[in-house]
């Protein structure tokens, strides 16, 4: 597999190189030069088979040439002890539950594959790398658990102080060992800017052997594309038509993975990008003007991104053509008030408990059907997190008790291990220098 930078000023690289580099040297993001195509017949053959079988079949077509004999299967077996699930709410509405992994977030699908693939490639090398991660919540916990105690890899997580839920925070600040958590006095965008500045610092980048595990790393997006094949193929088998795909979106890596899957043959009538009050993309879809700005805090905090990194990928994929983008993607901004109303409506109507991010998606589907032609295909909304991760707001809104999964109960008993720091690159650089 060969990949190019969105900024066209870096060499074409292999998947392995892109995996460890994270961001291209010119500051761009890697995109595959070519993608294989999966036929409807080949996908239909996997609708009743385990998730791992479809994952292996598709990944073999994409990156199989970069793994030794049996290597890819080994990585998949180590990564996926879990699978997605579909909950049907009505005849034309289903939820793709992506929270059945170790940290109860969709990001487990990308982080687990990345960690096991890196471990596979590093197993015979005597070197240590440092992975920088900016997180608004779920990325931090998924990456921390995926890479915890992986030999040869150090994780440095940056998160905005006071802007993630207690449960999310304890998932990634209580592990220790090779996981360093930095609590930044700022927003997620500030954390992301610090990470990008570190990558631009050539001396620091070489000394610490920096890599990333945010969705700027193509190693996250490729494995995340797999559940689009799995979920959309199942829904198409049930209804006979390509489904609408609704993605609660923040940094736009997840929906970008879906668009990559669609280009490879995953059925999708159209994508709905559901955003919260951080509405730069929904405004772009409505006006054609992209105006990123500082993020604001919402109930769906993992989506609190004012300048989505992966928008650069999506623009490149569609040749910076507004008409092409809006042909494939519609978007709407859902306020906290509307999120809470959607949570109540979904629970009262379907007895289904959804976390705030999923509720943003379900509300977006409702609006899309109000604004578009009355006859619309079935919709598949991605459920990106277990409601237990946001049990405070869910319980307050619905008046019920959300039973916390065992993994969440255990992390809340551990001790927080995080270092506070200012939103200051010099301080961040000094910390990294000391770690390496």
Protein backbone atom coordinates (compact mmCIF):
# COMPACT_ATOMS: atom_id res chain seq x y z
CA UNK A 1 0.00 0.00 0.00
CA UNK A 2 1.30 3.46 -0.93
CA UNK A 3 0.17 6.74 0.58
CA UNK A 4 0.64 10.40 -0.34
CA UNK A 5 0.45 13.58 1.73
CA UNK A 6 -2.51 15.92 1.30
CA UNK A 7 0.00 18.77 0.88
CA UNK A 8 1.89 17.01 -1.92
CA UNK A 9 5.32 17.98 -0.59
CA UNK A 10 6.45 14.71 1.03
CA UNK A 11 7.53 11.38 -0.48
CA UNK A 12 5.03 8.60 -1.08
CA UNK A 13 5.34 6.07 1.76
CA UNK A 14 4.27 2.56 2.73
CA UNK A 15 1.56 1.82 5.29
CA UNK A 16 4.21 0.88 7.84
CA UNK A 17 6.03 4.19 7.34
CA UNK A 18 2.78 6.17 7.59
CA UNK A 19 1.80 4.22 10.71
CA UNK A 20 4.96 5.21 12.57
CA UNK A 21 5.28 8.70 11.10
CA UNK A 22 1.68 9.70 11.84
CA UNK A 23 1.74 13.08 10.13
CA UNK A 24 3.62 13.67 6.89
CA UNK A 25 6.82 15.77 7.15
CA UNK A 26 5.16 18.60 5.20
CA UNK A 27 2.39 18.80 7.79
CA UNK A 28 -0.15 17.02 5.63
CA UNK A 29 -2.14 13.85 6.28
CA UNK A 30 -1.62 10.56 4.50
CA UNK A 31 -4.18 9.20 2.05
CA UNK A 32 -3.95 5.93 0.07
CA UNK A 33 -2.81 6.42 -3.53
CA UNK A 34 -5.11 3.59 -4.59
CA UNK A 35 -7.83 1.61 -2.86
CA UNK A 36 -9.05 -1.91 -3.64
CA UNK A 37 -12.71 -2.47 -4.49
CA UNK A 38 -14.87 -5.00 -2.66
CA UNK A 39 -17.73 -6.38 -4.71
CA UNK A 40 -21.26 -6.59 -3.31
CA UNK A 41 -21.06 -10.36 -3.70
CA UNK A 42 -17.87 -10.63 -1.63
CA UNK A 43 -19.32 -8.45 1.12
CA UNK A 44 -22.61 -10.35 1.17
CA UNK A 45 -20.67 -13.54 1.86
CA UNK A 46 -19.61 -12.15 5.25
CA UNK A 47 -22.94 -10.87 6.56
CA UNK A 48 -23.46 -13.95 8.75
CA UNK A 49 -19.81 -14.55 9.64
CA UNK A 50 -17.76 -13.28 12.61
CA UNK A 51 -16.48 -9.72 12.42
CA UNK A 52 -12.86 -10.84 12.45
CA UNK A 53 -13.32 -12.85 9.24
CA UNK A 54 -14.56 -9.81 7.31
CA UNK A 55 -11.83 -7.68 8.91
CA UNK A 56 -9.12 -10.07 7.72
CA UNK A 57 -10.54 -10.32 4.21
CA UNK A 58 -10.67 -6.53 3.72
CA UNK A 59 -7.39 -5.70 5.44
CA UNK A 60 -5.64 -8.36 3.39
CA UNK A 61 -6.68 -6.46 0.24
CA UNK A 62 -5.49 -3.13 1.68
CA UNK A 63 -2.32 -3.77 3.71
CA UNK A 64 -1.73 -7.51 3.54
CA UNK A 65 1.46 -7.11 1.50
CA UNK A 66 3.18 -5.37 4.45
CA UNK A 67 2.81 -8.24 6.91
CA UNK A 68 4.71 -11.52 6.91
CA UNK A 69 3.08 -14.91 6.57
CA UNK A 70 0.31 -15.11 9.14
CA UNK A 71 1.27 -11.70 10.54
CA UNK A 72 -1.94 -9.89 9.69
CA UNK A 73 -4.07 -12.66 11.16
CA UNK A 74 -1.99 -12.53 14.35
CA UNK A 75 -2.52 -8.78 14.65
CA UNK A 76 -6.27 -9.11 14.06
CA UNK A 77 -6.60 -11.92 16.60
CA UNK A 78 -4.77 -9.84 19.21
CA UNK A 79 -6.75 -6.69 18.43
CA UNK A 80 -10.31 -7.94 18.19
CA UNK A 81 -11.70 -9.90 21.08
CA UNK A 82 -14.83 -7.79 20.56
CA UNK A 83 -17.15 -6.86 17.69
CA UNK A 84 -19.83 -4.32 16.74
CA UNK A 85 -23.54 -5.00 17.21
CA UNK A 86 -26.67 -3.67 15.56
CA UNK A 87 -29.77 -2.60 17.50
CA UNK A 88 -32.86 -2.11 15.37
CA UNK A 89 -35.03 0.71 16.73
CA UNK A 90 -37.64 0.76 13.96
CA UNK A 91 -38.20 -0.46 10.43
CA UNK A 92 -36.03 2.29 8.96
CA UNK A 93 -33.70 3.16 11.86
CA UNK A 94 -30.86 1.12 13.35
CA UNK A 95 -27.92 1.82 15.64
CA UNK A 96 -24.45 0.41 15.02
CA UNK A 97 -23.10 -0.12 18.52
CA UNK A 98 -19.35 0.39 18.55
CA UNK A 99 -18.90 0.44 22.33
CA UNK A 100 -18.30 -3.23 23.05
CA UNK A 101 -14.51 -2.93 23.23
CA UNK A 102 -12.27 -2.60 26.31
CA UNK A 103 -12.88 1.15 26.83
CA UNK A 104 -16.48 1.16 25.58
CA UNK A 105 -15.79 3.50 22.65
CA UNK A 106 -15.66 3.19 18.86
CA UNK A 107 -12.04 4.26 19.05
CA UNK A 108 -11.10 0.82 20.38
CA UNK A 109 -11.45 -0.51 16.83
CA UNK A 110 -8.73 1.78 15.51
CA UNK A 111 -6.48 1.96 18.57
CA UNK A 112 -6.33 -1.79 19.18
CA UNK A 113 -5.31 -2.53 15.60
CA UNK A 114 -2.74 0.29 15.60
CA UNK A 115 -1.15 -0.88 18.85
CA UNK A 116 -0.95 -4.53 17.82
CA UNK A 117 0.35 -3.64 14.34
CA UNK A 118 3.05 -1.38 15.79
CA UNK A 119 3.99 -4.05 18.29
CA UNK A 120 4.24 -6.57 15.45
CA UNK A 121 6.52 -4.32 13.39
CA UNK A 122 8.69 -3.43 16.40
CA UNK A 123 9.09 -6.93 17.81
CA UNK A 124 12.59 -7.41 16.37
CA UNK A 125 13.79 -3.82 16.69
CA UNK A 126 15.78 -2.27 19.52
CA UNK A 127 14.23 1.20 19.62
CA UNK A 128 11.59 3.15 21.52
CA UNK A 129 9.06 5.54 20.01
CA UNK A 130 6.91 8.23 21.62
CA UNK A 131 3.29 8.53 20.56
CA UNK A 132 1.62 11.91 21.14
CA UNK A 133 -2.14 11.99 21.53
CA UNK A 134 -4.47 14.96 21.97
CA UNK A 135 -7.81 13.80 23.35
CA UNK A 136 -11.19 15.31 24.08
CA UNK A 137 -12.18 12.13 25.89
CA UNK A 138 -12.47 8.72 24.28
CA UNK A 139 -9.30 8.73 22.19
CA UNK A 140 -7.19 8.96 25.32
CA UNK A 141 -8.73 5.95 27.02
CA UNK A 142 -8.76 3.83 23.85
CA UNK A 143 -5.11 4.58 23.08
CA UNK A 144 -3.96 4.21 26.68
CA UNK A 145 -5.51 0.78 27.05
CA UNK A 146 -4.43 -0.40 23.60
CA UNK A 147 -0.78 0.55 24.16
CA UNK A 148 -0.50 -0.09 27.90
CA UNK A 149 2.73 -2.02 28.53
CA UNK A 150 3.42 -2.49 24.80
CA UNK A 151 7.19 -2.90 24.57
CA UNK A 152 9.10 -0.11 22.86
CA UNK A 153 6.26 2.45 22.91
CA UNK A 154 5.74 5.43 25.21
CA UNK A 155 2.35 7.22 25.18
CA UNK A 156 1.99 10.92 26.04
CA UNK A 157 -1.63 12.05 26.30
CA UNK A 158 -2.71 15.70 26.34
CA UNK A 159 -6.23 16.53 27.47
CA UNK A 160 -8.08 19.76 28.34
CA UNK A 161 -8.46 20.26 32.07
CA UNK A 162 -12.06 20.11 33.27
CA UNK A 163 -13.44 19.34 29.82
CA UNK A 164 -13.70 15.54 29.85
CA UNK A 165 -15.99 13.40 32.00
CA UNK A 166 -14.60 11.92 35.22
CA UNK A 167 -15.06 8.42 33.83
CA UNK A 168 -13.14 9.25 30.65
CA UNK A 169 -10.39 10.95 32.63
CA UNK A 170 -9.91 8.04 35.02
CA UNK A 171 -9.73 5.56 32.15
CA UNK A 172 -6.55 7.12 30.79
CA UNK A 173 -4.95 8.80 33.81
CA UNK A 174 -4.91 5.80 36.14
CA UNK A 175 -2.77 3.30 34.22
CA UNK A 176 0.78 4.60 34.69
CA UNK A 177 3.69 2.52 33.38
CA UNK A 178 4.35 3.69 29.80
CA UNK A 179 1.35 6.06 29.82
CA UNK A 180 1.99 9.75 30.67
CA UNK A 181 -1.08 12.00 31.02
CA UNK A 182 -0.73 15.79 30.72
CA UNK A 183 -3.67 17.90 31.94
CA UNK A 184 -3.53 21.08 29.84
CA UNK A 185 -4.99 24.42 30.89
CA UNK A 186 -6.87 24.96 27.63
CA UNK A 187 -9.19 23.39 25.08
CA UNK A 188 -8.89 20.29 22.93
CA UNK A 189 -7.84 22.52 20.04
CA UNK A 190 -4.98 23.81 22.21
CA UNK A 191 -3.89 20.24 22.94
CA UNK A 192 -4.05 19.39 19.26
CA UNK A 193 -2.02 22.50 18.39
CA UNK A 194 0.71 21.48 20.86
CA UNK A 195 0.94 18.05 19.27
CA UNK A 196 1.18 19.51 15.77
CA UNK A 197 3.86 21.97 16.92
CA UNK A 198 5.89 19.09 18.33
CA UNK A 199 5.78 17.33 14.98
CA UNK A 200 6.98 20.47 13.24
CA UNK A 201 10.00 20.67 15.59
CA UNK A 202 12.51 18.55 13.65
CA UNK A 203 15.01 18.23 16.52
CA UNK A 204 12.33 17.10 18.98
CA UNK A 205 10.69 14.82 16.46
CA UNK A 206 13.96 12.98 15.79
CA UNK A 207 15.09 12.78 19.42
CA UNK A 208 11.78 11.43 20.73
CA UNK A 209 10.97 9.44 17.57
CA UNK A 210 7.50 10.93 17.55
CA UNK A 211 4.41 9.27 16.16
CA UNK A 212 0.68 9.82 16.68
CA UNK A 213 -2.41 7.80 17.45
CA UNK A 214 -5.00 10.48 16.80
CA UNK A 215 -7.17 10.13 13.74
CA UNK A 216 -4.54 12.11 11.83
CA UNK A 217 -2.79 8.70 11.67
CA UNK A 218 -4.04 6.63 8.76
CA UNK A 219 -3.44 3.59 10.96
CA UNK A 220 -6.55 4.60 12.91
CA UNK A 221 -8.78 5.26 9.93
CA UNK A 222 -8.18 2.07 7.96
CA UNK A 223 -9.30 -0.31 10.72
CA UNK A 224 -12.22 2.01 11.53
CA UNK A 225 -13.40 1.66 7.95
CA UNK A 226 -14.10 -2.03 8.58
CA UNK A 227 -17.21 -1.63 10.69
CA UNK A 228 -18.81 0.42 7.93
CA UNK A 229 -18.53 -2.60 5.65
CA UNK A 230 -19.92 -4.84 8.37
CA UNK A 231 -22.85 -2.64 9.45
CA UNK A 232 -23.87 -1.28 6.05
CA UNK A 233 -23.71 -4.71 4.42
CA UNK A 234 -25.98 -6.15 7.09
CA UNK A 235 -28.50 -3.32 6.72
CA UNK A 236 -28.48 -3.62 2.94
CA UNK A 237 -29.06 -7.36 3.22
CA UNK A 238 -32.13 -6.60 5.37
CA UNK A 239 -33.63 -3.85 3.18
CA UNK A 240 -32.15 -4.33 -0.27
CA UNK A 241 -30.98 -0.70 -0.60
CA UNK A 242 -27.91 1.29 0.40
CA UNK A 243 -28.49 2.84 3.85
CA UNK A 244 -27.96 6.38 5.04
CA UNK A 245 -24.96 6.48 7.37
CA UNK A 246 -25.07 8.98 10.23
CA UNK A 247 -21.82 9.69 12.07
CA UNK A 248 -21.55 11.81 15.24
CA UNK A 249 -18.51 13.89 14.25
CA UNK A 250 -15.84 15.95 16.00
CA UNK A 251 -12.39 15.65 14.46
CA UNK A 252 -14.01 14.03 11.38
CA UNK A 253 -11.74 10.98 11.38
CA UNK A 254 -14.62 8.53 11.83
CA UNK A 255 -16.68 9.85 8.94
CA UNK A 256 -13.51 10.05 6.83
CA UNK A 257 -13.02 6.32 7.51
CA UNK A 258 -16.58 5.75 6.35
CA UNK A 259 -15.94 7.64 3.12
CA UNK A 260 -12.83 5.54 2.50
CA UNK A 261 -14.95 2.43 3.06
CA UNK A 262 -17.58 3.75 0.66
CA UNK A 263 -14.93 4.23 -2.02
CA UNK A 264 -13.89 0.63 -1.51
CA UNK A 265 -17.42 -0.66 -1.96
CA UNK A 266 -19.18 -0.30 1.40
CA UNK A 267 -22.81 0.60 0.59
CA UNK A 268 -23.89 4.13 1.61
CA UNK A 269 -26.65 6.23 0.07
CA UNK A 270 -25.25 9.35 1.74
CA UNK A 271 -23.41 10.39 4.89
CA UNK A 272 -24.88 12.57 7.62
CA UNK A 273 -22.26 14.41 9.66
CA UNK A 274 -23.91 15.11 13.01
CA UNK A 275 -22.09 17.83 14.94
CA UNK A 276 -22.79 19.62 18.21
CA UNK A 277 -22.45 23.37 18.82
CA UNK A 278 -18.98 23.19 17.23
CA UNK A 279 -20.56 23.81 13.88
CA UNK A 280 -17.81 24.79 11.43
CA UNK A 281 -18.59 21.89 9.10
CA UNK A 282 -22.38 22.10 9.21
CA UNK A 283 -22.06 25.79 8.36
CA UNK A 284 -19.73 24.92 5.48
CA UNK A 285 -22.28 22.48 4.09
CA UNK A 286 -24.97 25.18 4.28
CA UNK A 287 -22.92 28.14 3.02
CA UNK A 288 -19.79 26.83 1.28
CA UNK A 289 -17.58 28.83 3.66
CA UNK A 290 -15.26 27.08 6.10
CA UNK A 291 -14.71 29.13 9.25
CA UNK A 292 -13.01 27.12 12.00
CA UNK A 293 -12.91 28.71 15.45
CA UNK A 294 -12.12 27.83 19.06
CA UNK A 295 -14.14 24.91 20.37
CA UNK A 296 -16.92 25.29 22.90
CA UNK A 297 -17.85 22.83 25.61
CA UNK A 298 -20.93 20.63 25.17
CA UNK A 299 -22.55 17.52 26.66
CA UNK A 300 -21.09 15.52 23.75
CA UNK A 301 -17.57 16.53 24.72
CA UNK A 302 -15.68 14.01 22.57
CA UNK A 303 -16.96 16.01 19.59
CA UNK A 304 -15.87 19.42 20.91
CA UNK A 305 -13.53 20.28 18.05
CA UNK A 306 -13.50 23.71 16.46
CA UNK A 307 -10.90 22.94 13.78
CA UNK A 308 -11.31 19.31 12.65
CA UNK A 309 -7.96 17.89 11.54
CA UNK A 310 -9.44 15.37 9.14
CA UNK A 311 -11.33 17.99 7.19
CA UNK A 312 -8.10 18.38 5.21
CA UNK A 313 -8.39 14.73 4.15
CA UNK A 314 -12.02 15.01 3.14
CA UNK A 315 -11.41 18.15 1.10
CA UNK A 316 -8.54 16.40 -0.67
CA UNK A 317 -10.60 13.26 -1.33
CA UNK A 318 -13.22 15.38 -3.09
CA UNK A 319 -10.75 17.61 -4.97
CA UNK A 320 -11.74 20.64 -2.89
CA UNK A 321 -15.04 20.64 -4.77
CA UNK A 322 -17.94 21.89 -2.64
CA UNK A 323 -20.57 20.33 -4.90
CA UNK A 324 -18.92 16.90 -4.68
CA UNK A 325 -18.71 17.11 -0.90
CA UNK A 326 -22.33 18.08 -0.30
CA UNK A 327 -23.50 15.48 -2.79
CA UNK A 328 -22.09 12.80 -0.48
CA UNK A 329 -22.50 14.52 2.89
CA UNK A 330 -25.20 16.49 4.70
CA UNK A 331 -24.65 18.04 8.12
CA UNK A 332 -26.51 19.68 10.97
CA UNK A 333 -25.58 21.20 14.33
CA UNK A 334 -27.38 19.82 17.40
CA UNK A 335 -27.47 21.92 20.57
CA UNK A 336 -27.26 20.50 24.10
CA UNK A 337 -30.97 21.26 24.56
CA UNK A 338 -31.82 19.28 21.43
CA UNK A 339 -29.46 16.49 22.52
CA UNK A 340 -31.28 16.09 25.83
CA UNK A 341 -34.66 16.18 24.06
CA UNK A 342 -33.48 13.48 21.66
CA UNK A 343 -32.28 11.31 24.54
CA UNK A 344 -35.75 11.49 26.11
CA UNK A 345 -37.52 10.90 22.81
CA UNK A 346 -35.43 7.85 21.92
CA UNK A 347 -35.90 6.35 25.37
CA UNK A 348 -39.66 6.98 25.46
CA UNK A 349 -40.21 5.80 21.90
CA UNK A 350 -37.88 2.80 21.71
CA UNK A 351 -36.82 2.08 25.33
CA UNK A 352 -33.26 2.60 24.12
CA UNK A 353 -30.66 4.34 26.28
CA UNK A 354 -28.16 6.31 24.20
CA UNK A 355 -25.21 8.44 25.24
CA UNK A 356 -25.13 12.16 24.28
CA UNK A 357 -22.96 11.62 21.16
CA UNK A 358 -25.29 8.97 19.78
CA UNK A 359 -28.25 11.25 20.54
CA UNK A 360 -26.68 13.98 18.41
CA UNK A 361 -26.62 11.44 15.57
CA UNK A 362 -30.19 10.26 16.08
CA UNK A 363 -31.46 13.85 16.15
CA UNK A 364 -29.55 14.56 12.93
CA UNK A 365 -31.29 11.64 11.20
CA UNK A 366 -34.68 12.98 12.29
CA UNK A 367 -33.85 16.41 10.88
CA UNK A 368 -32.50 14.98 7.64
CA UNK A 369 -35.75 13.16 7.00
CA UNK A 370 -37.72 16.33 7.68
CA UNK A 371 -35.63 18.33 5.21
CA UNK A 372 -35.18 15.80 2.42
CA UNK A 373 -37.55 13.83 0.21
CA UNK A 374 -40.13 11.92 2.27
CA UNK A 375 -39.08 8.53 0.92
CA UNK A 376 -35.64 7.89 2.40
CA UNK A 377 -33.64 4.67 2.76
CA UNK A 378 -33.08 3.11 6.19
CA UNK A 379 -30.56 4.92 8.37
CA UNK A 380 -27.69 3.46 10.34
CA UNK A 381 -26.53 5.74 13.15
CA UNK A 382 -23.16 5.04 14.72
CA UNK A 383 -23.31 4.73 18.50
CA UNK A 384 -19.84 5.80 19.51
CA UNK A 385 -19.84 5.32 23.30
CA UNK A 386 -21.55 3.31 26.01
CA UNK A 387 -24.09 5.40 27.98
CA UNK A 388 -22.29 4.38 31.17
CA UNK A 389 -19.38 6.64 30.20
CA UNK A 390 -21.78 9.57 30.54
CA UNK A 391 -24.04 8.12 33.19
CA UNK A 392 -24.38 11.41 35.09
CA UNK A 393 -26.17 13.23 32.26
CA UNK A 394 -28.07 10.10 31.14
CA UNK A 395 -29.39 9.40 34.64
CA UNK A 396 -30.30 13.05 35.21
CA UNK A 397 -32.12 13.25 31.88
CA UNK A 398 -33.99 9.94 31.96
CA UNK A 399 -34.47 9.47 35.69
CA UNK A 400 -33.00 5.99 35.58
CA UNK A 401 -29.93 4.26 36.95
CA UNK A 402 -27.35 3.25 34.36
CA UNK A 403 -25.48 0.13 35.38
CA UNK A 404 -21.78 0.73 34.90
CA UNK A 405 -19.84 -2.01 33.11
CA UNK A 406 -17.19 -3.68 35.25
CA UNK A 407 -14.36 -1.96 33.37
CA UNK A 408 -15.71 1.48 34.33
CA UNK A 409 -16.27 0.51 37.95
CA UNK A 410 -12.67 -0.65 38.24
CA UNK A 411 -11.07 2.45 36.70
CA UNK A 412 -12.99 4.75 39.06
CA UNK A 413 -11.33 2.99 42.02
CA UNK A 414 -7.80 3.65 40.79
CA UNK A 415 -5.62 6.69 41.53
CA UNK A 416 -5.36 9.54 39.04
CA UNK A 417 -1.85 10.01 37.64
CA UNK A 418 -1.65 13.22 35.61
CA UNK A 419 0.70 16.19 35.41
CA UNK A 420 -0.78 19.69 35.04
CA UNK A 421 0.76 22.03 32.48
CA UNK A 422 0.07 25.38 30.85
CA UNK A 423 -0.90 25.79 27.23
CA UNK A 424 2.73 26.50 26.41
CA UNK A 425 4.83 24.72 23.78
CA UNK A 426 8.17 25.45 25.46
CA UNK A 427 6.97 23.74 28.63
CA UNK A 428 5.61 20.82 26.60
CA UNK A 429 8.88 20.47 24.70
CA UNK A 430 10.85 20.46 27.95
CA UNK A 431 8.63 17.71 29.34
CA UNK A 432 9.12 15.58 26.23
CA UNK A 433 12.86 16.23 26.31
CA UNK A 434 13.02 14.94 29.89
CA UNK A 435 10.96 11.85 29.07
CA UNK A 436 13.25 10.86 26.21
